[in-house]
């Protein structure tokens, strides 16, 4: 075995270990994900990890057919992610109660700037005049 073949063999094994670790973490996010968009992103990541596994198998075996399979899986994964995103958008934000959504919305809206207005002497404003008429 030449030095180049040894380097490729070690790199493939290292890549397999990294992909296995990332696969486990991503499956954990699919199961534990607090919201539906988190799970959709994790499923998209799983597609990418499986494409990585297929590419490593193609390198180890030397069959170029696996590359075509990986490309096809990438296209299907992209379409599935787009379909999930459209589903989430059409569904709206139903997971969060309406009151919490309003609180989050009003918290994100900045306070309007107040214009500096010259102050009137106290007792001359419209409210004081209305009280005086009664």
C-alpha atoms as a PDB file:
ATOM      1  CA  UNK A   1       0.000   0.000   0.000  1.00  0.00           C
ATOM      2  CA  UNK A   2       1.448   3.355  -1.021  1.00  0.00           C
ATOM      3  CA  UNK A   3       1.484   6.465   1.095  1.00  0.00           C
ATOM      4  CA  UNK A   4      -1.323   8.099  -0.925  1.00  0.00           C
ATOM      5  CA  UNK A   5      -3.576   5.075  -0.484  1.00  0.00           C
ATOM      6  CA  UNK A   6      -2.880   5.043   3.254  1.00  0.00           C
ATOM      7  CA  UNK A   7      -3.730   8.730   3.552  1.00  0.00           C
ATOM      8  CA  UNK A   8      -6.997   8.182   1.677  1.00  0.00           C
ATOM      9  CA  UNK A   9      -7.865   5.166   3.842  1.00  0.00           C
ATOM     10  CA  UNK A  10      -7.246   7.086   7.071  1.00  0.00           C
ATOM     11  CA  UNK A  11      -9.156  10.120   5.775  1.00  0.00           C
ATOM     12  CA  UNK A  12     -12.144   7.932   4.885  1.00  0.00           C
ATOM     13  CA  UNK A  13     -12.160   6.345   8.362  1.00  0.00           C
ATOM     14  CA  UNK A  14     -11.878   9.758  10.014  1.00  0.00           C
ATOM     15  CA  UNK A  15     -14.709  11.073   7.849  1.00  0.00           C
ATOM     16  CA  UNK A  16     -16.846   8.054   8.773  1.00  0.00           C
ATOM     17  CA  UNK A  17     -16.310   8.745  12.485  1.00  0.00           C
ATOM     18  CA  UNK A  18     -17.190  12.426  12.081  1.00  0.00           C
ATOM     19  CA  UNK A  19     -20.277  11.602   9.999  1.00  0.00           C
ATOM     20  CA  UNK A  20     -21.452   9.008  12.551  1.00  0.00           C
ATOM     21  CA  UNK A  21     -21.091  11.528  15.376  1.00  0.00           C
ATOM     22  CA  UNK A  22     -22.938  14.238  13.427  1.00  0.00           C
ATOM     23  CA  UNK A  23     -25.612  11.713  12.450  1.00  0.00           C
ATOM     24  CA  UNK A  24     -26.277  10.899  16.112  1.00  0.00           C
ATOM     25  CA  UNK A  25     -26.440  14.581  17.088  1.00  0.00           C
ATOM     26  CA  UNK A  26     -28.802  15.337  14.217  1.00  0.00           C
ATOM     27  CA  UNK A  27     -31.109  12.429  15.070  1.00  0.00           C
ATOM     28  CA  UNK A  28     -31.175  13.784  18.624  1.00  0.00           C
ATOM     29  CA  UNK A  29     -32.297  17.176  17.266  1.00  0.00           C
ATOM     30  CA  UNK A  30     -35.027  15.533  15.164  1.00  0.00           C
ATOM     31  CA  UNK A  31     -36.347  13.760  18.254  1.00  0.00           C
ATOM     32  CA  UNK A  32     -35.810  16.522  20.813  1.00  0.00           C
ATOM     33  CA  UNK A  33     -36.301  19.599  18.597  1.00  0.00           C
ATOM     34  CA  UNK A  34     -38.502  22.083  20.413  1.00  0.00           C
ATOM     35  CA  UNK A  35     -40.261  23.351  17.296  1.00  0.00           C
ATOM     36  CA  UNK A  36     -41.260  22.015  13.907  1.00  0.00           C
ATOM     37  CA  UNK A  37     -38.786  24.231  11.967  1.00  0.00           C
ATOM     38  CA  UNK A  38     -35.936  22.820  14.093  1.00  0.00           C
ATOM     39  CA  UNK A  39     -36.962  19.332  13.089  1.00  0.00           C
ATOM     40  CA  UNK A  40     -37.182  20.280   9.402  1.00  0.00           C
ATOM     41  CA  UNK A  41     -33.678  21.742   9.456  1.00  0.00           C
ATOM     42  CA  UNK A  42     -32.425  18.594  11.191  1.00  0.00           C
ATOM     43  CA  UNK A  43     -34.047  16.408   8.533  1.00  0.00           C
ATOM     44  CA  UNK A  44     -32.359  18.488   5.843  1.00  0.00           C
ATOM     45  CA  UNK A  45     -29.067  18.004   7.671  1.00  0.00           C
ATOM     46  CA  UNK A  46     -29.686  14.242   7.771  1.00  0.00           C
ATOM     47  CA  UNK A  47     -29.994  14.300   3.995  1.00  0.00           C
ATOM     48  CA  UNK A  48     -26.616  16.004   3.752  1.00  0.00           C
ATOM     49  CA  UNK A  49     -25.029  13.492   6.112  1.00  0.00           C
ATOM     50  CA  UNK A  50     -26.401  10.553   4.113  1.00  0.00           C
ATOM     51  CA  UNK A  51     -24.980  12.145   0.960  1.00  0.00           C
ATOM     52  CA  UNK A  52     -21.631  12.251   2.753  1.00  0.00           C
ATOM     53  CA  UNK A  53     -21.911   8.547   3.619  1.00  0.00           C
ATOM     54  CA  UNK A  54     -22.718   7.730  -0.009  1.00  0.00           C
ATOM     55  CA  UNK A  55     -19.717   9.761  -1.193  1.00  0.00           C
ATOM     56  CA  UNK A  56     -17.429   7.882   1.202  1.00  0.00           C
ATOM     57  CA  UNK A  57     -18.777   4.554  -0.035  1.00  0.00           C
ATOM     58  CA  UNK A  58     -18.106   5.718  -3.600  1.00  0.00           C
ATOM     59  CA  UNK A  59     -14.512   6.564  -2.668  1.00  0.00           C
ATOM     60  CA  UNK A  60     -13.907   3.224  -0.917  1.00  0.00           C
ATOM     61  CA  UNK A  61     -15.474   1.040  -3.609  1.00  0.00           C
ATOM     62  CA  UNK A  62     -14.537   3.063  -6.676  1.00  0.00           C
ATOM     63  CA  UNK A  63     -18.031   2.833  -8.221  1.00  0.00           C
ATOM     64  CA  UNK A  64     -19.047   6.135  -9.788  1.00  0.00           C
ATOM     65  CA  UNK A  65     -22.716   5.128  -9.790  1.00  0.00           C
ATOM     66  CA  UNK A  66     -22.911   6.141  -6.134  1.00  0.00           C
ATOM     67  CA  UNK A  67     -22.197   9.756  -7.071  1.00  0.00           C
ATOM     68  CA  UNK A  68     -25.315   9.786  -9.267  1.00  0.00           C
ATOM     69  CA  UNK A  69     -27.326   8.386  -6.360  1.00  0.00           C
ATOM     70  CA  UNK A  70     -25.960  11.101  -4.058  1.00  0.00           C
ATOM     71  CA  UNK A  71     -26.918  13.823  -6.544  1.00  0.00           C
ATOM     72  CA  UNK A  72     -30.427  12.396  -6.874  1.00  0.00           C
ATOM     73  CA  UNK A  73     -30.784  12.234  -3.093  1.00  0.00           C
ATOM     74  CA  UNK A  74     -29.660  15.857  -2.856  1.00  0.00           C
ATOM     75  CA  UNK A  75     -32.371  16.947  -5.305  1.00  0.00           C
ATOM     76  CA  UNK A  76     -35.063  14.963  -3.510  1.00  0.00           C
ATOM     77  CA  UNK A  77     -33.892  16.312  -0.150  1.00  0.00           C
ATOM     78  CA  UNK A  78     -34.042  19.878  -1.453  1.00  0.00           C
ATOM     79  CA  UNK A  79     -37.582  19.389  -2.745  1.00  0.00           C
ATOM     80  CA  UNK A  80     -38.639  17.837   0.567  1.00  0.00           C
ATOM     81  CA  UNK A  81     -37.214  20.795   2.487  1.00  0.00           C
ATOM     82  CA  UNK A  82     -39.053  23.253   0.255  1.00  0.00           C
ATOM     83  CA  UNK A  83     -42.282  21.282   0.727  1.00  0.00           C
ATOM     84  CA  UNK A  84     -41.836  21.284   4.520  1.00  0.00           C
ATOM     85  CA  UNK A  85     -41.142  25.021   4.489  1.00  0.00           C
ATOM     86  CA  UNK A  86     -44.316  25.684   2.496  1.00  0.00           C
ATOM     87  CA  UNK A  87     -46.254  23.506   4.917  1.00  0.00           C
ATOM     88  CA  UNK A  88     -44.917  25.462   7.884  1.00  0.00           C
ATOM     89  CA  UNK A  89     -45.766  28.782   6.227  1.00  0.00           C
ATOM     90  CA  UNK A  90     -49.284  27.676   5.324  1.00  0.00           C
ATOM     91  CA  UNK A  91     -49.849  26.362   8.820  1.00  0.00           C
ATOM     92  CA  UNK A  92     -48.957  29.642  10.425  1.00  0.00           C
ATOM     93  CA  UNK A  93     -47.666  30.020  13.926  1.00  0.00           C
ATOM     94  CA  UNK A  94     -50.161  27.746  15.695  1.00  0.00           C
ATOM     95  CA  UNK A  95     -47.732  26.326  18.227  1.00  0.00           C
ATOM     96  CA  UNK A  96     -47.510  29.631  20.097  1.00  0.00           C
ATOM     97  CA  UNK A  97     -50.664  30.977  21.751  1.00  0.00           C
ATOM     98  CA  UNK A  98     -52.024  34.201  20.271  1.00  0.00           C
ATOM     99  CA  UNK A  99     -51.301  36.233  23.416  1.00  0.00           C
ATOM    100  CA  UNK A 100     -47.644  35.196  23.373  1.00  0.00           C
ATOM    101  CA  UNK A 101     -47.376  36.058  19.676  1.00  0.00           C
ATOM    102  CA  UNK A 102     -48.788  39.521  20.369  1.00  0.00           C
ATOM    103  CA  UNK A 103     -46.331  40.021  23.233  1.00  0.00           C
ATOM    104  CA  UNK A 104     -43.445  38.970  21.003  1.00  0.00           C
ATOM    105  CA  UNK A 105     -44.684  41.255  18.227  1.00  0.00           C
ATOM    106  CA  UNK A 106     -45.116  44.281  20.463  1.00  0.00           C
ATOM    107  CA  UNK A 107     -41.729  43.630  22.059  1.00  0.00           C
ATOM    108  CA  UNK A 108     -40.088  43.665  18.625  1.00  0.00           C
ATOM    109  CA  UNK A 109     -41.706  46.960  17.567  1.00  0.00           C
ATOM    110  CA  UNK A 110     -39.571  49.916  18.645  1.00  0.00           C
ATOM    111  CA  UNK A 111     -41.068  52.712  20.676  1.00  0.00           C
ATOM    112  CA  UNK A 112     -41.975  55.749  18.562  1.00  0.00           C
ATOM    113  CA  UNK A 113     -39.722  58.707  19.019  1.00  0.00           C
ATOM    114  CA  UNK A 114     -41.379  61.548  20.776  1.00  0.00           C
ATOM    115  CA  UNK A 115     -41.083  64.925  19.194  1.00  0.00           C
ATOM    116  CA  UNK A 116     -39.755  67.588  21.426  1.00  0.00           C
ATOM    117  CA  UNK A 117     -42.580  70.056  21.896  1.00  0.00           C
ATOM    118  CA  UNK A 118     -42.301  73.294  23.727  1.00  0.00           C
ATOM    119  CA  UNK A 119     -44.082  72.925  27.051  1.00  0.00           C
ATOM    120  CA  UNK A 120     -47.004  75.158  27.875  1.00  0.00           C
ATOM    121  CA  UNK A 121     -47.248  76.684  31.258  1.00  0.00           C
ATOM    122  CA  UNK A 122     -49.272  74.474  33.573  1.00  0.00           C
ATOM    123  CA  UNK A 123     -52.961  75.194  33.693  1.00  0.00           C
ATOM    124  CA  UNK A 124     -53.246  76.334  30.054  1.00  0.00           C
ATOM    125  CA  UNK A 125     -53.587  73.022  28.211  1.00  0.00           C
ATOM    126  CA  UNK A 126     -56.802  71.781  26.533  1.00  0.00           C
ATOM    127  CA  UNK A 127     -57.587  69.377  29.381  1.00  0.00           C
ATOM    128  CA  UNK A 128     -57.395  72.146  31.952  1.00  0.00           C
ATOM    129  CA  UNK A 129     -59.647  74.359  29.856  1.00  0.00           C
ATOM    130  CA  UNK A 130     -62.240  71.547  29.546  1.00  0.00           C
ATOM    131  CA  UNK A 131     -62.280  71.058  33.282  1.00  0.00           C
ATOM    132  CA  UNK A 132     -62.666  74.758  33.817  1.00  0.00           C
ATOM    133  CA  UNK A 133     -65.749  74.934  31.553  1.00  0.00           C
ATOM    134  CA  UNK A 134     -67.608  72.286  33.577  1.00  0.00           C
END
